[in-house]
């Protein structure tokens, strides 16, 4: 089903391809080659450009995810988007997480759609929290910002994603009741 807001978001994310990775930068130039972002500012910028939520991105050191258990990225997404599972196993984990955290549980399993957000916890490098985000273009292809630039990647084969912990969010499914 066509959703014009999803389409605008994916178009915006594609515009950023080749923008230079620069920690905590948020500059959209006249063209991607004159633009700068990191993974969180890239996602936030795309959502803001099309009039969808996104909290201010805090100024964090480049290796913040190695030194904290504060789930900044995960907590912000849970405020604004509906988390879902892509497998039955993931659905059970989602239920358990909801019970443990006293959060509402909305059971759903589906294939990621264009404009959905995927966040990653890279335990292979010692990450303690979910710290890398991307926007689905057409599953399993995502756009994300990882040194040296904003790029498209296959989430099943790109090293930053392959074998890592992933969480999936649909920012278009949220109603005011879910947002709380």
N, C-alpha and C. Protein backbone atom coordinates (compact mmCIF):
# COMPACT_ATOMS: atom_id res chain seq x y z
N UNK A 1 0.84 -1.17 0.00
CA UNK A 1 0.00 0.00 0.00
C UNK A 1 0.90 1.25 0.00
N UNK A 2 0.61 2.20 -0.86
CA UNK A 2 1.38 3.43 -0.98
C UNK A 2 1.07 4.36 0.17
N UNK A 3 2.10 4.88 0.80
CA UNK A 3 1.96 5.85 1.86
C UNK A 3 2.84 7.04 1.48
N UNK A 4 2.26 8.19 1.14
CA UNK A 4 3.06 9.31 0.66
C UNK A 4 4.10 9.80 1.67
N UNK A 5 3.79 9.69 2.96
CA UNK A 5 4.75 10.13 3.96
C UNK A 5 5.96 9.19 3.98
N UNK A 6 5.74 7.89 3.87
CA UNK A 6 6.85 6.93 3.78
C UNK A 6 7.69 7.23 2.55
N UNK A 7 7.02 7.49 1.43
CA UNK A 7 7.71 7.76 0.18
C UNK A 7 8.59 9.01 0.31
N UNK A 8 8.07 10.07 0.93
CA UNK A 8 8.86 11.30 1.13
C UNK A 8 10.06 11.04 2.03
N UNK A 9 9.86 10.22 3.06
CA UNK A 9 10.96 9.91 3.98
C UNK A 9 12.08 9.15 3.25
N UNK A 10 11.72 8.15 2.48
CA UNK A 10 12.73 7.37 1.76
C UNK A 10 13.43 8.25 0.73
N UNK A 11 12.69 9.11 0.06
CA UNK A 11 13.31 10.04 -0.90
C UNK A 11 14.31 10.95 -0.20
N UNK A 12 13.94 11.45 0.98
CA UNK A 12 14.86 12.29 1.76
C UNK A 12 16.11 11.51 2.15
N UNK A 13 15.94 10.28 2.62
CA UNK A 13 17.10 9.46 3.01
C UNK A 13 18.02 9.21 1.82
N UNK A 14 17.44 8.94 0.66
CA UNK A 14 18.24 8.72 -0.55
C UNK A 14 19.03 9.98 -0.93
N UNK A 15 18.41 11.16 -0.70
CA UNK A 15 19.11 12.40 -1.03
C UNK A 15 20.45 12.48 -0.29
N UNK A 16 20.49 12.01 0.95
CA UNK A 16 21.69 12.11 1.79
C UNK A 16 22.82 11.17 1.38
N UNK A 17 22.56 10.21 0.50
CA UNK A 17 23.63 9.27 0.13
C UNK A 17 24.88 10.03 -0.32
N UNK A 18 26.01 9.60 0.18
CA UNK A 18 27.33 10.17 -0.07
C UNK A 18 27.66 11.37 0.82
N UNK A 19 26.73 11.80 1.67
CA UNK A 19 27.07 12.85 2.64
C UNK A 19 28.17 12.32 3.55
N UNK A 20 29.07 13.17 3.96
CA UNK A 20 30.23 12.78 4.76
C UNK A 20 29.84 12.49 6.21
N UNK A 21 30.39 11.38 6.75
CA UNK A 21 30.21 11.09 8.17
C UNK A 21 31.04 12.09 8.96
N UNK A 22 30.41 12.74 9.92
CA UNK A 22 31.10 13.64 10.84
C UNK A 22 30.35 13.57 12.16
N UNK A 23 31.06 13.17 13.21
CA UNK A 23 30.42 12.97 14.51
C UNK A 23 29.63 14.19 14.96
N UNK A 24 28.39 13.96 15.31
CA UNK A 24 27.43 14.94 15.83
C UNK A 24 27.29 16.18 14.94
N UNK A 25 27.45 16.01 13.65
CA UNK A 25 27.20 17.10 12.72
C UNK A 25 25.83 16.93 12.10
N UNK A 26 25.24 18.05 11.73
CA UNK A 26 23.88 18.05 11.22
C UNK A 26 23.77 19.20 10.24
N UNK A 27 24.38 19.02 9.09
CA UNK A 27 24.42 20.10 8.11
C UNK A 27 24.00 19.57 6.75
N UNK A 28 22.91 20.10 6.23
CA UNK A 28 22.45 19.73 4.90
C UNK A 28 22.85 20.84 3.95
N UNK A 29 23.78 20.53 3.07
CA UNK A 29 24.25 21.51 2.10
C UNK A 29 23.39 21.52 0.85
N UNK A 30 23.88 22.16 -0.19
CA UNK A 30 23.15 22.24 -1.45
C UNK A 30 23.09 20.88 -2.15
N UNK A 31 24.05 20.01 -1.84
CA UNK A 31 24.07 18.66 -2.40
C UNK A 31 24.70 17.73 -1.35
N UNK A 32 24.50 16.43 -1.50
CA UNK A 32 25.00 15.50 -0.47
C UNK A 32 26.50 15.64 -0.20
N UNK A 33 27.29 15.87 -1.23
CA UNK A 33 28.74 15.97 -1.06
C UNK A 33 29.14 17.17 -0.20
N UNK A 34 28.21 18.10 0.03
CA UNK A 34 28.46 19.27 0.88
C UNK A 34 27.74 19.15 2.21
N UNK A 35 27.30 17.94 2.57
CA UNK A 35 26.50 17.71 3.77
C UNK A 35 27.25 16.81 4.75
N UNK A 36 26.91 16.93 6.04
CA UNK A 36 27.60 16.19 7.08
C UNK A 36 26.58 15.67 8.10
N UNK A 37 26.78 14.43 8.57
CA UNK A 37 25.90 13.84 9.57
C UNK A 37 26.59 12.65 10.22
N UNK A 38 26.01 12.18 11.30
CA UNK A 38 26.39 10.88 11.84
C UNK A 38 25.13 10.02 11.83
N UNK A 39 25.17 8.81 12.38
CA UNK A 39 24.01 7.93 12.19
C UNK A 39 22.75 8.46 12.87
N UNK A 40 22.87 9.07 14.03
CA UNK A 40 21.67 9.57 14.70
C UNK A 40 21.19 10.89 14.11
N UNK A 41 22.11 11.78 13.75
CA UNK A 41 21.67 13.05 13.16
C UNK A 41 21.12 12.85 11.76
N UNK A 42 21.63 11.86 11.03
CA UNK A 42 21.09 11.54 9.71
C UNK A 42 19.62 11.11 9.82
N UNK A 43 19.33 10.16 10.71
CA UNK A 43 17.96 9.67 10.88
C UNK A 43 17.06 10.82 11.34
N UNK A 44 17.51 11.59 12.34
CA UNK A 44 16.72 12.70 12.85
C UNK A 44 16.45 13.73 11.76
N UNK A 45 17.45 14.04 10.97
CA UNK A 45 17.29 15.03 9.91
C UNK A 45 16.27 14.59 8.87
N UNK A 46 16.31 13.33 8.49
CA UNK A 46 15.35 12.81 7.50
C UNK A 46 13.93 12.92 8.03
N UNK A 47 13.72 12.55 9.26
CA UNK A 47 12.37 12.60 9.84
C UNK A 47 11.89 14.04 10.00
N UNK A 48 12.76 14.91 10.44
CA UNK A 48 12.37 16.31 10.58
C UNK A 48 12.04 16.93 9.23
N UNK A 49 12.80 16.59 8.20
CA UNK A 49 12.59 17.18 6.87
C UNK A 49 11.20 16.88 6.32
N UNK A 50 10.62 15.76 6.73
CA UNK A 50 9.29 15.41 6.22
C UNK A 50 8.20 15.62 7.28
N UNK A 51 8.55 16.31 8.37
CA UNK A 51 7.56 16.69 9.36
C UNK A 51 7.15 15.59 10.32
N UNK A 52 8.01 14.63 10.54
CA UNK A 52 7.75 13.55 11.48
C UNK A 52 8.63 13.78 12.70
N UNK A 53 8.25 13.21 13.83
CA UNK A 53 8.97 13.35 15.09
C UNK A 53 10.46 13.18 14.94
N UNK A 54 11.17 13.59 15.87
CA UNK A 54 12.50 13.15 16.22
C UNK A 54 13.01 14.10 17.27
N UNK A 55 13.41 13.53 18.35
CA UNK A 55 13.92 14.33 19.47
C UNK A 55 15.24 14.99 19.08
N UNK A 56 15.61 15.99 19.85
CA UNK A 56 16.94 16.56 19.65
C UNK A 56 17.95 15.48 19.94
N UNK A 57 19.01 15.47 19.17
CA UNK A 57 20.05 14.47 19.35
C UNK A 57 21.06 15.05 20.35
N UNK A 58 21.23 14.38 21.49
CA UNK A 58 22.17 14.93 22.48
C UNK A 58 23.61 14.86 21.98
N UNK A 59 24.43 15.74 22.49
CA UNK A 59 25.85 15.72 22.15
C UNK A 59 26.51 14.64 23.00
N UNK A 60 26.92 13.59 22.35
CA UNK A 60 27.53 12.45 23.03
C UNK A 60 28.92 12.21 22.46
N UNK A 61 29.85 11.70 23.25
CA UNK A 61 31.17 11.39 22.70
C UNK A 61 31.07 10.27 21.65
N UNK A 62 32.02 10.20 20.74
CA UNK A 62 31.94 9.21 19.66
C UNK A 62 31.81 7.76 20.14
N UNK A 63 32.31 7.44 21.30
CA UNK A 63 32.27 6.06 21.80
C UNK A 63 31.29 5.90 22.97
N UNK A 64 30.27 6.75 23.04
CA UNK A 64 29.33 6.75 24.16
C UNK A 64 28.72 5.39 24.42
N UNK A 65 28.45 4.62 23.38
CA UNK A 65 27.77 3.33 23.49
C UNK A 65 28.61 2.26 24.17
N UNK A 66 29.90 2.54 24.37
CA UNK A 66 30.79 1.59 25.06
C UNK A 66 30.81 1.83 26.57
N UNK A 67 30.29 2.99 27.01
CA UNK A 67 30.48 3.41 28.40
C UNK A 67 29.20 3.68 29.18
N UNK A 68 28.06 3.28 28.64
CA UNK A 68 26.81 3.55 29.34
C UNK A 68 25.84 2.40 29.14
N UNK A 69 24.91 2.31 30.02
CA UNK A 69 23.80 1.37 29.85
C UNK A 69 22.51 2.14 29.59
N UNK A 70 22.61 3.45 29.47
CA UNK A 70 21.45 4.30 29.19
C UNK A 70 21.10 4.14 27.72
N UNK A 71 19.91 3.59 27.48
CA UNK A 71 19.45 3.30 26.11
C UNK A 71 18.81 4.55 25.49
N UNK A 72 19.63 5.56 25.22
CA UNK A 72 19.11 6.81 24.68
C UNK A 72 18.33 6.59 23.38
N UNK A 73 18.95 5.95 22.41
CA UNK A 73 18.35 5.77 21.08
C UNK A 73 17.06 4.93 21.20
N UNK A 74 17.15 3.82 21.89
CA UNK A 74 16.01 2.92 22.06
C UNK A 74 14.85 3.64 22.76
N UNK A 75 15.14 4.35 23.84
CA UNK A 75 14.08 5.03 24.59
C UNK A 75 13.40 6.12 23.77
N UNK A 76 14.15 6.86 22.97
CA UNK A 76 13.54 7.88 22.11
C UNK A 76 12.62 7.25 21.08
N UNK A 77 13.05 6.18 20.46
CA UNK A 77 12.21 5.53 19.45
C UNK A 77 10.95 4.94 20.08
N UNK A 78 11.07 4.39 21.28
CA UNK A 78 9.89 3.81 21.93
C UNK A 78 8.84 4.88 22.25
N UNK A 79 9.26 6.13 22.37
CA UNK A 79 8.30 7.21 22.62
C UNK A 79 7.50 7.56 21.37
N UNK A 80 8.09 7.35 20.20
CA UNK A 80 7.53 7.89 18.97
C UNK A 80 7.16 6.86 17.91
N UNK A 81 7.51 5.61 18.10
CA UNK A 81 7.28 4.61 17.06
C UNK A 81 6.89 3.28 17.68
N UNK A 82 6.18 2.49 16.92
CA UNK A 82 5.73 1.18 17.38
C UNK A 82 6.80 0.13 17.09
N UNK A 83 7.29 -0.49 18.14
CA UNK A 83 8.28 -1.55 17.96
C UNK A 83 7.57 -2.82 17.52
N UNK A 84 8.17 -3.55 16.60
CA UNK A 84 7.57 -4.80 16.14
C UNK A 84 8.66 -5.85 15.93
N UNK A 85 8.24 -7.06 15.69
CA UNK A 85 9.16 -8.17 15.47
C UNK A 85 9.06 -8.63 14.02
N UNK A 86 10.14 -9.24 13.53
CA UNK A 86 10.11 -9.78 12.17
C UNK A 86 10.05 -11.31 12.18
N UNK A 87 10.12 -11.91 13.38
CA UNK A 87 9.99 -13.36 13.53
C UNK A 87 9.18 -13.66 14.78
N UNK A 88 8.70 -14.87 14.89
CA UNK A 88 7.98 -15.28 16.10
C UNK A 88 8.89 -15.26 17.31
N UNK A 89 10.16 -15.63 17.13
CA UNK A 89 11.13 -15.58 18.23
C UNK A 89 11.29 -14.15 18.70
N UNK A 90 11.39 -13.22 17.76
CA UNK A 90 11.49 -11.80 18.11
C UNK A 90 10.26 -11.31 18.82
N UNK A 91 9.11 -11.82 18.45
CA UNK A 91 7.86 -11.43 19.09
C UNK A 91 7.85 -11.84 20.56
N UNK A 92 8.34 -13.03 20.86
CA UNK A 92 8.41 -13.49 22.24
C UNK A 92 9.38 -12.62 23.04
N UNK A 93 10.50 -12.25 22.45
CA UNK A 93 11.45 -11.37 23.13
C UNK A 93 10.83 -10.00 23.39
N UNK A 94 10.09 -9.50 22.42
CA UNK A 94 9.40 -8.22 22.56
C UNK A 94 8.40 -8.27 23.73
N UNK A 95 7.66 -9.37 23.83
CA UNK A 95 6.70 -9.55 24.93
C UNK A 95 7.42 -9.55 26.28
N UNK A 96 8.51 -10.29 26.36
CA UNK A 96 9.27 -10.38 27.61
C UNK A 96 9.85 -9.01 28.00
N UNK A 97 10.39 -8.29 27.02
CA UNK A 97 10.94 -6.95 27.29
C UNK A 97 9.85 -6.03 27.82
N UNK A 98 8.67 -6.09 27.21
CA UNK A 98 7.56 -5.23 27.62
C UNK A 98 7.14 -5.54 29.06
N UNK A 99 7.04 -6.82 29.39
CA UNK A 99 6.68 -7.21 30.75
C UNK A 99 7.72 -6.74 31.75
N UNK A 100 8.99 -6.92 31.40
CA UNK A 100 10.08 -6.56 32.30
C UNK A 100 10.12 -5.05 32.54
N UNK A 101 9.80 -4.26 31.53
CA UNK A 101 9.89 -2.81 31.64
C UNK A 101 8.56 -2.15 31.96
N UNK A 102 7.51 -2.95 32.12
CA UNK A 102 6.20 -2.39 32.41
C UNK A 102 5.65 -1.52 31.30
N UNK A 103 6.01 -1.84 30.07
CA UNK A 103 5.57 -1.06 28.91
C UNK A 103 4.39 -1.76 28.24
N UNK A 104 3.58 -1.01 27.48
CA UNK A 104 2.50 -1.66 26.73
C UNK A 104 3.08 -2.60 25.67
N UNK A 105 2.35 -3.62 25.39
CA UNK A 105 2.79 -4.64 24.44
C UNK A 105 1.79 -4.72 23.30
N UNK A 106 2.26 -4.48 22.09
CA UNK A 106 1.41 -4.52 20.91
C UNK A 106 1.96 -5.60 19.99
N UNK A 107 1.46 -6.84 20.12
CA UNK A 107 2.04 -7.95 19.37
C UNK A 107 1.83 -7.81 17.87
N UNK A 108 2.92 -7.77 17.15
CA UNK A 108 2.85 -7.73 15.70
C UNK A 108 4.13 -8.28 15.11
N UNK A 109 3.99 -9.03 14.04
CA UNK A 109 5.13 -9.57 13.30
C UNK A 109 4.90 -9.21 11.84
N UNK A 110 5.85 -8.52 11.25
CA UNK A 110 5.74 -8.26 9.82
C UNK A 110 7.10 -7.91 9.22
N UNK A 111 7.14 -7.83 7.92
CA UNK A 111 8.35 -7.47 7.19
C UNK A 111 8.55 -5.97 7.27
N UNK A 112 9.78 -5.52 7.51
CA UNK A 112 10.03 -4.08 7.55
C UNK A 112 9.60 -3.40 6.25
N UNK A 113 9.01 -2.23 6.40
CA UNK A 113 8.50 -1.45 5.28
C UNK A 113 9.39 -0.23 5.03
N UNK A 114 9.35 0.32 3.81
CA UNK A 114 10.11 1.55 3.55
C UNK A 114 9.77 2.63 4.58
N UNK A 115 10.81 3.26 5.11
CA UNK A 115 10.63 4.31 6.11
C UNK A 115 10.69 3.82 7.54
N UNK A 116 10.65 2.51 7.77
CA UNK A 116 10.81 1.99 9.13
C UNK A 116 12.24 2.23 9.59
N UNK A 117 12.42 2.17 10.89
CA UNK A 117 13.75 2.37 11.48
C UNK A 117 14.23 1.06 12.06
N UNK A 118 15.50 0.76 11.84
CA UNK A 118 16.14 -0.39 12.46
C UNK A 118 17.29 0.16 13.30
N UNK A 119 17.39 -0.28 14.55
CA UNK A 119 18.54 0.10 15.37
C UNK A 119 19.34 -1.15 15.72
N UNK A 120 20.63 -0.93 15.95
CA UNK A 120 21.59 -2.02 16.08
C UNK A 120 22.37 -1.88 17.38
N UNK A 121 22.58 -3.02 18.04
CA UNK A 121 23.52 -3.09 19.16
C UNK A 121 24.67 -3.96 18.68
N UNK A 122 25.84 -3.35 18.54
CA UNK A 122 27.01 -4.06 18.02
C UNK A 122 27.83 -4.61 19.17
N UNK A 123 27.41 -5.75 19.70
CA UNK A 123 28.12 -6.35 20.82
C UNK A 123 29.51 -6.84 20.43
N UNK A 124 29.77 -7.02 19.14
CA UNK A 124 31.09 -7.47 18.69
C UNK A 124 32.17 -6.44 19.01
N UNK A 125 31.79 -5.16 19.08
CA UNK A 125 32.77 -4.12 19.43
C UNK A 125 32.62 -3.68 20.88
N UNK A 126 31.75 -4.35 21.62
CA UNK A 126 31.56 -4.04 23.03
C UNK A 126 30.46 -3.05 23.35
N UNK A 127 29.60 -2.77 22.39
CA UNK A 127 28.50 -1.83 22.65
C UNK A 127 27.60 -2.39 23.74
N UNK A 128 27.21 -1.53 24.66
CA UNK A 128 26.33 -1.92 25.76
C UNK A 128 24.89 -1.53 25.49
N UNK A 129 24.68 -0.71 24.47
CA UNK A 129 23.34 -0.20 24.15
C UNK A 129 23.14 -0.20 22.63
N UNK A 130 21.88 -0.02 22.22
CA UNK A 130 21.58 0.14 20.80
C UNK A 130 22.06 1.53 20.39
N UNK A 131 22.92 1.59 19.37
CA UNK A 131 23.58 2.86 19.09
C UNK A 131 23.71 3.21 17.61
N UNK A 132 23.23 2.39 16.73
CA UNK A 132 23.33 2.70 15.30
C UNK A 132 21.96 2.54 14.67
N UNK A 133 21.54 3.53 13.91
CA UNK A 133 20.21 3.49 13.31
C UNK A 133 20.26 3.62 11.81
N UNK A 134 19.21 3.11 11.18
CA UNK A 134 19.11 3.21 9.72
C UNK A 134 17.65 3.25 9.32
N UNK A 135 17.43 3.65 8.08
CA UNK A 135 16.08 3.76 7.53
C UNK A 135 15.94 2.72 6.43
N UNK A 136 14.84 1.96 6.50
CA UNK A 136 14.59 0.92 5.49
C UNK A 136 14.21 1.61 4.17
N UNK A 137 14.88 1.18 3.08
CA UNK A 137 14.54 1.65 1.74
C UNK A 137 13.59 0.64 1.11
N UNK A 138 14.04 -0.58 1.01
CA UNK A 138 13.23 -1.72 0.56
C UNK A 138 13.91 -2.95 1.13
N UNK A 139 13.25 -3.57 2.09
CA UNK A 139 13.85 -4.66 2.86
C UNK A 139 14.48 -5.70 1.96
N UNK A 140 15.76 -6.09 2.24
CA UNK A 140 16.61 -5.78 3.38
C UNK A 140 17.59 -4.62 3.16
N UNK A 141 17.33 -3.75 2.20
CA UNK A 141 18.21 -2.62 1.94
C UNK A 141 17.85 -1.44 2.85
N UNK A 142 18.88 -0.88 3.49
CA UNK A 142 18.71 0.26 4.39
C UNK A 142 19.68 1.36 3.99
N UNK A 143 19.39 2.58 4.44
CA UNK A 143 20.33 3.69 4.30
C UNK A 143 20.74 4.08 5.72
N UNK A 144 22.05 4.25 5.89
CA UNK A 144 22.57 4.62 7.21
C UNK A 144 23.85 5.41 7.03
N UNK A 145 24.30 6.03 8.11
CA UNK A 145 25.53 6.81 8.07
C UNK A 145 26.57 6.09 8.92
N UNK A 146 27.60 5.65 8.24
CA UNK A 146 28.68 4.91 8.88
C UNK A 146 29.95 5.36 8.18
N UNK A 147 31.03 5.62 8.92
CA UNK A 147 32.23 6.14 8.23
C UNK A 147 32.56 5.31 7.00
N UNK A 148 32.74 5.96 5.86
CA UNK A 148 33.03 7.39 5.66
C UNK A 148 31.81 8.24 5.28
N UNK A 149 30.62 7.62 5.05
CA UNK A 149 29.53 8.44 4.52
C UNK A 149 28.16 7.77 4.71
N UNK A 150 27.12 8.48 4.29
CA UNK A 150 25.77 7.91 4.24
C UNK A 150 25.75 6.97 3.05
N UNK A 151 25.24 5.75 3.26
CA UNK A 151 25.30 4.73 2.21
C UNK A 151 24.12 3.77 2.32
N UNK A 152 23.90 3.05 1.23
CA UNK A 152 22.93 1.94 1.23
C UNK A 152 23.69 0.67 1.56
N UNK A 153 23.02 -0.21 2.31
CA UNK A 153 23.63 -1.50 2.66
C UNK A 153 22.55 -2.56 2.76
N UNK A 154 22.95 -3.79 2.56
CA UNK A 154 22.08 -4.93 2.80
C UNK A 154 22.25 -5.31 4.26
N UNK A 155 21.18 -5.27 5.01
CA UNK A 155 21.28 -5.49 6.45
C UNK A 155 21.74 -6.91 6.79
N UNK A 156 21.56 -7.85 5.86
CA UNK A 156 21.98 -9.23 6.12
C UNK A 156 23.46 -9.46 5.86
N UNK A 157 24.10 -8.60 5.07
CA UNK A 157 25.49 -8.85 4.70
C UNK A 157 26.48 -7.77 5.13
N UNK A 158 26.02 -6.56 5.40
CA UNK A 158 26.95 -5.50 5.79
C UNK A 158 27.49 -5.80 7.19
N UNK A 159 28.81 -5.74 7.39
CA UNK A 159 29.40 -6.15 8.68
C UNK A 159 28.85 -5.45 9.91
N UNK A 160 28.46 -4.19 9.80
CA UNK A 160 27.95 -3.47 10.97
C UNK A 160 26.59 -4.00 11.43
N UNK A 161 25.90 -4.77 10.58
CA UNK A 161 24.58 -5.31 10.92
C UNK A 161 24.57 -6.82 11.07
N UNK A 162 25.30 -7.50 10.24
CA UNK A 162 25.24 -8.96 10.17
C UNK A 162 25.57 -9.60 11.51
N UNK A 163 24.64 -10.40 12.03
CA UNK A 163 24.85 -11.10 13.28
C UNK A 163 24.70 -10.23 14.52
N UNK A 164 24.27 -9.00 14.37
CA UNK A 164 24.12 -8.09 15.51
C UNK A 164 22.67 -8.10 16.01
N UNK A 165 22.46 -7.55 17.19
CA UNK A 165 21.10 -7.43 17.74
C UNK A 165 20.41 -6.27 17.04
N UNK A 166 19.21 -6.52 16.53
CA UNK A 166 18.43 -5.52 15.81
C UNK A 166 17.07 -5.33 16.47
N UNK A 167 16.56 -4.10 16.44
CA UNK A 167 15.20 -3.81 16.86
C UNK A 167 14.55 -3.00 15.75
N UNK A 168 13.25 -3.23 15.54
CA UNK A 168 12.52 -2.66 14.41
C UNK A 168 11.39 -1.76 14.91
N UNK A 169 11.23 -0.61 14.22
CA UNK A 169 10.22 0.37 14.61
C UNK A 169 9.48 0.89 13.40
N UNK A 170 8.16 1.04 13.57
CA UNK A 170 7.32 1.63 12.54
C UNK A 170 6.84 2.98 13.04
N UNK A 171 7.42 4.08 12.55
CA UNK A 171 7.02 5.41 13.03
C UNK A 171 5.67 5.87 12.47
N UNK A 172 5.12 5.13 11.52
CA UNK A 172 3.86 5.53 10.89
C UNK A 172 2.65 4.82 11.52
N UNK A 173 2.88 3.82 12.35
CA UNK A 173 1.79 3.04 12.94
C UNK A 173 1.33 3.61 14.27
N UNK A 174 2.05 4.58 14.80
CA UNK A 174 1.78 5.06 16.14
C UNK A 174 0.58 6.01 16.17
N UNK A 175 -0.28 5.76 17.15
CA UNK A 175 -1.39 6.67 17.40
C UNK A 175 -1.08 7.42 18.67
N UNK A 176 -1.87 8.42 19.01
CA UNK A 176 -1.63 9.16 20.25
C UNK A 176 -1.79 8.26 21.46
N UNK A 177 -2.63 7.20 21.35
CA UNK A 177 -2.78 6.27 22.47
C UNK A 177 -1.50 5.51 22.73
N UNK A 178 -0.78 5.12 21.67
CA UNK A 178 0.45 4.36 21.82
C UNK A 178 1.55 5.28 22.34
N UNK A 179 1.58 6.51 21.85
CA UNK A 179 2.62 7.44 22.29
C UNK A 179 2.51 7.73 23.77
N UNK A 180 1.32 7.64 24.31
CA UNK A 180 1.13 7.85 25.73
C UNK A 180 0.89 9.26 26.02
